[in-house]
Protein backbone atom coordinates (compact mmCIF):
# COMPACT_ATOMS: atom_id res chain seq x y z
CA MET A 1 115.95 62.47 88.35
CA SER A 2 118.25 64.14 85.37
CA ILE A 3 121.84 64.21 86.12
CA PRO A 4 124.71 65.77 83.84
CA LYS A 5 126.71 62.32 82.73
CA GLU A 6 129.94 64.62 82.59
CA VAL A 7 129.16 65.22 86.93
CA THR A 8 128.37 61.98 87.67
CA SER A 9 131.78 60.59 85.72
CA THR A 10 133.11 62.73 87.71
CA VAL A 11 131.75 61.78 91.49
CA ALA A 12 132.37 58.06 90.44
CA SER A 13 135.36 58.69 88.77
CA ALA A 14 136.79 55.26 90.41
CA VAL A 15 134.42 53.52 88.02
CA PRO A 16 135.86 53.30 84.11
CA ALA A 17 133.44 55.04 82.06
CA SER A 18 132.21 53.55 78.91
CA ALA A 19 132.31 55.88 76.06
CA ALA A 20 129.19 56.45 73.98
CA ALA A 21 129.37 55.27 70.15
CA PRO A 22 127.63 57.40 67.70
CA ILE A 23 123.69 57.47 67.53
CA GLN A 24 122.67 54.98 64.31
CA LEU A 25 119.63 56.04 62.91
CA GLN A 26 117.53 53.30 61.83
CA ALA A 27 113.58 53.04 61.98
CA ALA A 28 112.44 53.16 65.44
CA PRO A 29 109.32 51.24 67.59
CA ARG A 30 107.28 53.00 69.99
CA ARG A 31 109.11 54.02 73.10
CA GLY A 32 107.81 55.44 76.76
CA THR A 33 105.17 57.31 76.50
CA LEU A 34 103.21 60.48 74.72
CA TYR A 35 100.16 62.59 75.33
CA LYS A 36 99.28 65.34 73.70
CA VAL A 37 98.17 68.48 75.99
CA ARG A 38 95.51 71.29 74.49
CA HIS A 39 94.03 74.19 76.67
CA ASP A 40 92.77 77.72 75.02
CA GLY A 41 93.81 76.56 71.29
CA LYS A 42 97.15 75.87 72.42
CA THR A 43 98.75 72.25 71.97
CA SER A 44 101.60 70.95 73.61
CA TYR A 45 103.22 67.32 74.23
CA LEU A 46 104.26 65.81 76.88
CA PHE A 47 106.88 62.84 76.64
CA GLY A 48 107.74 60.03 79.34
CA THR A 49 111.54 59.75 79.17
CA ILE A 50 114.49 57.76 80.74
CA HIS A 51 117.62 58.73 82.33
CA VAL A 52 119.89 55.86 81.43
CA GLY A 53 119.74 53.76 77.97
CA LYS A 54 121.07 52.44 75.17
CA GLN A 55 122.37 53.35 71.93
CA GLY A 56 119.84 51.26 70.27
CA PHE A 57 117.11 53.21 71.51
CA PHE A 58 117.45 56.04 68.98
CA PRO A 59 116.04 57.56 67.26
CA LEU A 60 112.88 58.19 68.72
CA GLU A 61 109.73 56.88 66.86
CA PRO A 62 108.71 59.44 63.93
CA GLU A 63 105.08 60.62 66.38
CA VAL A 64 107.83 62.00 68.96
CA THR A 65 109.79 63.74 66.41
CA ARG A 66 107.35 64.94 64.58
CA ALA A 67 105.74 66.46 68.01
CA LEU A 68 109.49 67.85 69.08
CA ALA A 69 109.78 69.47 65.46
CA ASP A 70 106.73 70.90 65.91
CA ALA A 71 107.13 72.24 69.19
CA SER A 72 108.83 75.65 69.61
CA ALA A 73 110.59 74.74 73.25
CA LEU A 74 112.32 71.93 74.77
CA VAL A 75 111.28 71.83 78.30
CA LEU A 76 112.97 69.17 80.61
CA GLU A 77 113.49 68.34 84.42
CA LEU A 78 117.06 69.84 83.59
CA ASP A 79 119.17 71.20 80.96
CA THR A 80 121.30 68.58 81.37
CA ARG A 81 124.37 70.32 79.27
CA VAL A 82 125.01 73.08 82.34
CA HIS A 83 127.11 71.24 84.81
CA LYS A 84 127.98 74.21 87.03
CA PRO A 85 124.45 74.53 89.33
CA PHE A 86 124.69 69.98 89.66
CA GLU A 87 128.82 70.87 90.90
CA GLN A 88 127.40 73.30 93.00
CA ALA A 89 124.05 71.10 94.80
CA LEU A 90 126.19 67.89 94.91
CA ALA A 91 128.70 70.06 97.42
CA LYS A 92 125.63 71.65 99.07
CA TYR A 93 123.64 68.91 99.78
CA GLY A 94 125.77 65.35 99.00
CA SER A 95 128.89 66.26 100.78
CA TYR A 96 129.91 66.67 103.79
CA SER A 97 131.74 70.15 105.38
CA ALA A 98 136.14 69.46 105.96
CA GLY A 99 136.82 66.85 108.44
CA ASP A 100 133.62 65.46 108.64
CA SER A 101 132.91 61.70 106.64
CA ILE A 102 130.50 59.26 106.24
CA THR A 103 131.86 56.61 108.81
CA ARG A 104 130.87 59.23 111.82
CA HIS A 105 127.30 59.32 110.84
CA LEU A 106 126.98 54.99 109.64
CA SER A 107 126.38 51.82 112.44
CA PRO A 108 128.79 49.21 112.63
CA TYR A 109 126.53 47.06 110.47
CA ALA A 110 125.78 50.05 107.87
CA LEU A 111 129.70 50.57 107.50
CA ALA A 112 130.26 46.94 106.86
CA LYS A 113 127.35 46.48 104.50
CA LEU A 114 128.95 49.27 102.54
CA ASN A 115 132.01 47.89 102.39
CA LYS A 116 131.34 45.06 101.21
CA ALA A 117 129.65 46.70 98.39
CA LEU A 118 132.04 48.58 97.54
CA ALA A 119 134.75 46.40 97.34
CA LYS A 120 132.20 44.54 94.72
CA ALA A 121 132.34 47.84 92.50
CA GLY A 122 135.72 48.13 92.92
CA LEU A 123 135.93 51.18 94.41
CA ALA A 124 137.78 52.21 98.20
CA LEU A 125 135.96 53.81 100.98
CA GLN A 126 138.02 56.89 100.55
CA ASN A 127 136.62 57.69 97.25
CA VAL A 128 133.55 58.48 98.61
CA ALA A 129 134.13 58.71 102.37
CA MET A 130 133.29 62.29 102.06
CA TYR A 131 129.67 61.73 100.17
CA ARG A 132 126.35 61.14 102.38
CA PRO A 133 125.00 58.36 102.14
CA TRP A 134 121.72 58.71 99.77
CA LEU A 135 124.37 59.85 97.31
CA VAL A 136 127.01 56.78 98.16
CA ALA A 137 123.83 54.59 97.24
CA ASN A 138 122.52 56.64 94.18
CA ILE A 139 126.33 56.45 92.87
CA LEU A 140 126.45 52.91 93.97
CA VAL A 141 123.13 51.80 91.76
CA GLY A 142 124.37 53.65 88.92
CA THR A 143 127.43 51.82 88.64
CA GLU A 144 125.32 48.66 88.90
CA ILE A 145 123.18 50.08 86.23
CA GLU A 146 126.36 51.17 83.78
CA LYS A 147 128.11 47.34 84.34
CA HIS A 148 124.72 46.01 82.63
CA GLY A 149 124.92 48.31 79.32
CA TYR A 150 122.77 51.08 80.37
CA HIS A 151 124.35 54.27 80.49
CA ARG A 152 123.88 57.86 81.60
CA SER A 153 125.34 58.88 77.92
CA ASN A 154 122.21 57.61 76.47
CA GLY A 155 119.65 58.89 78.50
CA VAL A 156 117.04 60.18 76.45
CA GLU A 157 117.82 64.08 77.32
CA GLY A 158 120.86 64.10 75.69
CA PHE A 159 118.69 62.56 72.26
CA LEU A 160 116.59 65.16 72.90
CA LEU A 161 118.63 68.31 73.53
CA THR A 162 120.52 67.40 70.35
CA ALA A 163 117.88 67.59 68.20
CA ALA A 164 116.14 70.75 69.82
CA VAL A 165 119.65 72.52 69.35
CA GLU A 166 119.82 71.08 65.59
CA GLN A 167 116.15 72.43 65.61
CA LYS A 168 117.14 75.99 67.26
CA LYS A 169 114.73 75.81 69.89
CA GLN A 170 114.48 77.22 73.10
CA VAL A 171 115.47 74.98 76.15
CA HIS A 172 113.71 75.47 78.98
CA GLU A 173 113.79 73.57 83.24
CA LEU A 174 111.17 73.03 85.19
CA GLU A 175 113.39 72.61 88.16
CA SER A 176 116.37 73.75 89.48
CA ALA A 177 120.01 71.14 90.26
CA ASP A 178 119.78 73.27 93.82
CA TYR A 179 115.69 72.41 94.45
CA GLN A 180 116.36 68.58 93.08
CA LEU A 181 119.18 67.62 95.38
CA SER A 182 117.87 69.60 98.41
CA LEU A 183 115.05 67.39 98.52
CA PHE A 184 117.46 64.47 99.50
CA ALA A 185 118.63 66.55 102.37
CA SER A 186 115.23 66.40 103.56
CA LEU A 187 116.22 62.94 104.88
CA ASP A 188 117.94 63.26 108.32
CA ASP A 189 120.87 60.76 109.69
CA ALA A 190 118.54 57.57 110.38
CA GLN A 191 116.53 57.49 106.95
CA GLN A 192 119.49 58.29 105.05
CA GLU A 193 121.63 55.12 106.56
CA ARG A 194 118.26 53.01 106.09
CA TYR A 195 118.30 54.75 102.37
CA LEU A 196 121.41 53.55 102.27
CA VAL A 197 121.03 50.03 103.83
CA GLU A 198 117.83 49.40 101.16
CA ASN A 199 120.01 49.90 98.19
CA LEU A 200 123.10 47.43 99.32
CA GLU A 201 120.51 45.04 100.34
CA GLU A 202 118.61 44.99 96.70
CA LEU A 203 122.11 45.48 94.91
CA GLU A 204 123.14 42.49 96.93
CA ASN A 205 120.26 40.24 96.01
CA GLY A 206 119.65 41.75 92.25
CA ARG A 207 116.54 43.87 93.40
CA ALA A 208 118.18 46.98 91.83
CA LEU A 209 119.17 46.11 88.66
CA GLN A 210 116.20 43.72 88.34
CA LYS A 211 113.52 46.57 88.79
CA SER A 212 116.29 49.37 86.82
CA ALA A 213 116.24 47.15 83.73
CA GLY A 214 112.42 45.80 84.27
CA LEU A 215 111.47 50.31 84.30
CA ILE A 216 113.80 50.58 81.44
CA ASP A 217 112.30 47.70 79.23
CA ALA A 218 109.12 48.83 79.67
CA TRP A 219 109.25 52.09 78.58
CA SER A 220 111.63 50.59 75.41
CA ASN A 221 108.36 48.79 74.49
CA ALA A 222 105.76 51.36 75.39
CA ASP A 223 104.43 48.50 77.77
CA ALA A 224 102.01 50.64 79.49
CA ALA A 225 100.54 47.91 82.12
CA ARG A 226 103.95 46.98 82.82
CA ILE A 227 105.04 50.64 83.43
CA ASP A 228 101.87 51.13 85.69
CA VAL A 229 103.18 47.48 87.81
CA MET A 230 107.04 49.02 87.81
CA ALA A 231 105.39 52.15 89.43
CA ARG A 232 103.46 50.40 91.77
CA GLU A 233 106.15 48.36 92.53
CA LEU A 234 109.03 51.13 93.61
CA THR A 235 106.28 53.07 95.47
CA SER A 236 104.60 50.39 97.35
CA GLY A 237 105.73 49.97 101.04
CA ASP A 238 106.89 51.23 104.28
CA SER A 239 110.73 51.15 102.91
CA VAL A 240 112.23 54.80 103.29
CA SER A 241 113.70 54.37 99.79
CA ALA A 242 109.56 53.73 98.36
CA THR A 243 108.52 56.32 100.49
CA PHE A 244 111.02 58.94 99.65
CA MET A 245 109.91 58.13 95.86
CA ASP A 246 106.41 58.12 96.33
CA ARG A 247 106.07 60.87 98.71
CA THR A 248 108.67 63.75 97.66
CA LEU A 249 110.43 62.28 94.35
CA LEU A 250 106.81 62.46 92.75
CA GLY A 251 103.84 63.13 95.45
CA LYS A 252 105.52 66.39 95.67
CA ARG A 253 107.10 67.29 92.42
CA ASN A 254 104.60 66.25 90.47
CA PRO A 255 101.87 69.02 91.14
CA GLU A 256 105.14 71.64 91.03
CA MET A 257 106.06 70.55 87.87
CA ALA A 258 101.89 70.61 86.26
CA ALA A 259 101.81 74.15 87.32
CA HIS A 260 104.80 75.35 85.97
CA ILE A 261 103.65 73.52 82.65
CA GLU A 262 100.52 75.23 83.06
CA ARG A 263 102.84 78.86 83.14
CA ILE A 264 104.40 77.73 79.74
CA MET A 265 101.15 76.53 77.75
CA GLN A 266 99.38 79.40 78.90
CA GLY A 267 102.67 81.72 76.98
CA ASP A 268 102.78 81.77 73.20
CA GLN A 269 105.06 78.40 73.36
CA VAL A 270 104.10 75.26 72.07
CA ALA A 271 106.39 73.12 74.26
CA PHE A 272 107.87 69.30 74.33
CA VAL A 273 107.96 68.23 77.58
CA GLY A 274 109.58 65.46 78.42
CA ILE A 275 110.11 64.37 81.92
CA GLY A 276 110.76 61.19 83.97
CA LEU A 277 108.39 58.32 83.23
CA LEU A 278 107.15 57.59 86.43
CA HIS A 279 105.82 61.47 86.49
CA LEU A 280 103.13 60.92 83.95
CA VAL A 281 101.66 57.55 85.39
CA GLY A 282 98.50 57.05 87.99
CA ASP A 283 96.12 58.99 89.31
CA ASN A 284 98.50 61.96 90.63
CA GLY A 285 100.59 62.21 87.75
CA ILE A 286 100.98 65.17 85.76
CA PRO A 287 98.62 63.84 82.82
CA ALA A 288 96.01 63.35 85.78
CA LEU A 289 96.91 66.81 87.29
CA LEU A 290 96.49 68.52 83.92
CA ARG A 291 92.91 67.19 83.39
CA GLN A 292 92.28 68.45 87.03
CA ARG A 293 93.27 71.88 85.64
CA GLY A 294 90.70 72.05 82.54
CA TYR A 295 93.05 70.62 80.08
CA GLU A 296 92.17 68.28 77.59
CA VAL A 297 95.14 65.43 77.76
CA GLU A 298 94.99 62.92 74.97
CA LYS A 299 97.25 59.84 75.67
CA VAL A 300 99.13 59.41 71.73
CA TYR A 301 100.15 56.11 73.03
């Protein structure tokens, strides 16, 4: 999910942030996956993004930059330049009310696991005590990923937004911050604790980094076979994390996104749609859903 880097930097303010160096232009290999979508004589594009990355991932390769140049509008999950709605949604769905604390919602086992993970990350419990378990889990996983060189400041959305502004294109959102974060609020206390513990266990055994780095590496090499493998790994099994990813973050949102993209294409605009890579994968991915709606969907690579 697309999180403004300024917002997440504020949330995890106890963790030093790495300043991003200027993007250096150089020859670029294929990255991610790109689709061309046609209907009623109109053409739009779907491009799979990642929300964190490395400076060396840019610029994106010529087929992508040409597709963006051809489009009249850039469409993203969220416009990550806009911070206020995300801050409000974080307060609404990610924080406890005054006087409440995460310590009152966790079992002794989960609290002990959390304190151990916070110590390793260089955070004090008091820095995150006001946040709900799902948000704390995401903060800790994000912190670990950044320690290994993958930064929000190098997310693909930022690059696309910069290019769109330079080309004076309209920018549209498929969703709202309030809607995105409300999905996490659908987890009850027991599920949120389990979500936290599962992520803490994967941080401890290295699986969290392995999964994230594996998906990013597959994106950076446009490795379709590995992208499919990583998608199945992230959505398979009976864990709260995998079930939530499969049924809610993808299963619920994909049809809604496909319907929104269809409405955009029915207008006069040629859209370049940049959305999280996993939304484009499999029988329930957005390309498949658009085909079911009668659109011609060609995989460019």
